[in-house]
Protein backbone atom coordinates (compact mmCIF):
# COMPACT_ATOMS: atom_id res chain seq x y z
CA UNK A 1 20.47 22.91 -36.56
CA UNK A 2 22.74 22.72 -39.61
CA UNK A 3 21.81 21.97 -43.14
CA UNK A 4 25.03 20.99 -44.30
CA UNK A 5 28.07 19.14 -43.09
CA UNK A 6 30.48 21.28 -40.60
CA UNK A 7 32.81 22.27 -43.22
CA UNK A 8 30.28 23.84 -45.60
CA UNK A 9 28.55 25.72 -42.41
CA UNK A 10 31.91 26.98 -41.23
CA UNK A 11 32.53 28.59 -44.80
CA UNK A 12 29.39 29.84 -45.16
CA UNK A 13 29.71 31.50 -41.50
CA UNK A 14 33.16 32.71 -42.42
CA UNK A 15 32.18 34.28 -45.25
CA UNK A 16 28.87 35.87 -44.34
CA UNK A 17 30.48 37.95 -41.52
CA UNK A 18 33.10 39.25 -44.22
CA UNK A 19 31.64 39.62 -47.72
CA UNK A 20 30.67 43.24 -49.30
CA UNK A 21 27.59 43.15 -51.58
CA UNK A 22 29.45 42.09 -54.79
CA UNK A 23 31.09 39.32 -52.40
CA UNK A 24 27.07 38.17 -51.28
CA UNK A 25 25.87 38.22 -54.80
CA UNK A 26 28.81 36.12 -55.83
CA UNK A 27 27.72 33.78 -53.09
CA UNK A 28 24.34 33.73 -53.55
CA UNK A 29 25.17 33.00 -57.52
CA UNK A 30 27.18 29.82 -56.04
CA UNK A 31 24.82 28.86 -53.12
CA UNK A 32 25.10 25.50 -51.68
CA UNK A 33 22.34 22.67 -52.21
CA UNK A 34 22.19 19.09 -51.45
CA UNK A 35 22.52 16.94 -54.79
CA UNK A 36 21.84 13.31 -55.86
CA UNK A 37 24.40 11.71 -58.27
CA UNK A 38 23.39 8.08 -59.58
CA UNK A 39 26.03 5.78 -60.48
CA UNK A 40 26.36 2.18 -62.41
CA UNK A 41 27.72 -0.76 -59.98
CA UNK A 42 28.71 -3.79 -61.13
CA UNK A 43 30.44 -7.12 -60.77
CA UNK A 44 30.12 -10.54 -59.93
CA UNK A 45 27.22 -11.16 -62.40
CA UNK A 46 25.25 -8.10 -60.97
CA UNK A 47 24.20 -4.61 -62.35
CA UNK A 48 22.93 -1.84 -60.02
CA UNK A 49 21.90 1.77 -60.19
CA UNK A 50 22.99 3.52 -56.85
CA UNK A 51 23.03 7.03 -55.87
CA UNK A 52 25.53 9.37 -53.59
CA UNK A 53 24.19 12.73 -51.89
CA UNK A 54 26.67 15.61 -52.01
CA UNK A 55 26.49 19.52 -51.42
CA UNK A 56 26.98 21.10 -54.76
CA UNK A 57 26.72 24.48 -56.05
CA UNK A 58 23.70 25.96 -58.06
CA UNK A 59 25.80 27.21 -60.70
CA UNK A 60 29.26 24.73 -60.78
CA UNK A 61 27.52 21.40 -60.23
CA UNK A 62 25.40 20.75 -63.25
CA UNK A 63 24.10 17.30 -63.75
CA UNK A 64 22.54 16.65 -66.92
CA UNK A 65 19.12 15.12 -66.77
CA UNK A 66 19.14 11.17 -66.96
CA UNK A 67 22.74 10.88 -66.61
CA UNK A 68 24.12 7.88 -65.08
CA UNK A 69 28.11 7.85 -64.01
CA UNK A 70 29.90 4.62 -64.91
CA UNK A 71 31.66 4.49 -61.81
CA UNK A 72 31.39 5.87 -58.25
CA UNK A 73 35.29 7.38 -58.26
CA UNK A 74 34.51 9.12 -61.01
CA UNK A 75 31.83 11.24 -60.94
CA UNK A 76 33.28 14.68 -62.13
CA UNK A 77 30.56 17.06 -60.76
CA UNK A 78 32.48 19.78 -58.37
CA UNK A 79 31.56 19.99 -54.61
CA UNK A 80 30.79 22.78 -52.91
CA UNK A 81 32.59 24.93 -52.12
CA UNK A 82 33.38 25.27 -55.64
CA UNK A 83 36.43 27.16 -57.28
CA UNK A 84 34.45 30.75 -57.39
CA UNK A 85 33.30 30.08 -53.64
CA UNK A 86 37.04 29.15 -52.67
CA UNK A 87 38.38 32.20 -54.70
CA UNK A 88 36.34 34.72 -52.80
CA UNK A 89 37.02 33.06 -49.60
CA UNK A 90 40.74 33.57 -50.60
CA UNK A 91 40.50 37.54 -50.27
CA UNK A 92 40.40 36.86 -46.72
CA UNK A 93 43.21 34.47 -46.45
CA UNK A 94 44.56 36.70 -43.75
CA UNK A 95 42.07 36.31 -41.24
CA UNK A 96 43.41 33.83 -38.01
CA UNK A 97 40.34 31.50 -38.91
CA UNK A 98 40.99 31.33 -42.57
CA UNK A 99 41.65 27.38 -42.95
CA UNK A 100 43.90 26.30 -45.67
CA UNK A 101 41.53 23.33 -46.65
CA UNK A 102 39.50 26.38 -48.48
CA UNK A 103 42.22 27.36 -50.65
CA UNK A 104 41.42 26.77 -54.56
CA UNK A 105 43.72 23.98 -55.21
CA UNK A 106 41.62 22.10 -52.23
CA UNK A 107 38.49 21.96 -54.83
CA UNK A 108 37.08 18.60 -55.60
CA UNK A 109 34.66 16.28 -57.44
CA UNK A 110 31.62 14.92 -55.68
CA UNK A 111 33.50 11.66 -55.81
CA UNK A 112 36.11 13.02 -53.35
CA UNK A 113 39.13 13.36 -56.27
CA UNK A 114 40.66 16.91 -56.32
CA UNK A 115 39.52 19.05 -59.43
CA UNK A 116 43.29 20.27 -60.13
CA UNK A 117 44.71 16.34 -60.47
CA UNK A 118 41.83 15.66 -63.25
CA UNK A 119 43.12 18.56 -65.20
CA UNK A 120 46.98 17.06 -65.62
């Protein structure tokens, strides 16, 4: 039974069959984990705190305690695979089962926005 969504499981399987000891140590340092981010939703005279679950990175997806994001579309916490994991996978870009969606420029925040778009 998979622990994560299909995209995460496929990348984990891909990497675990290819990385050396150093790569495995990097992968363990950026292990995926289910996370929860609270956000504020308001309008029409109501105000609610809601939450979204996503797969984040144990090293890169830090949510400070008691954080409440003010907009669901602006949860600027990196989702897994984070950029270091994507760079690790990039070493194997010549493999026939490598997917272009794993490239570093495809890294996204928990809200689904591309990370590299937010930098400009």
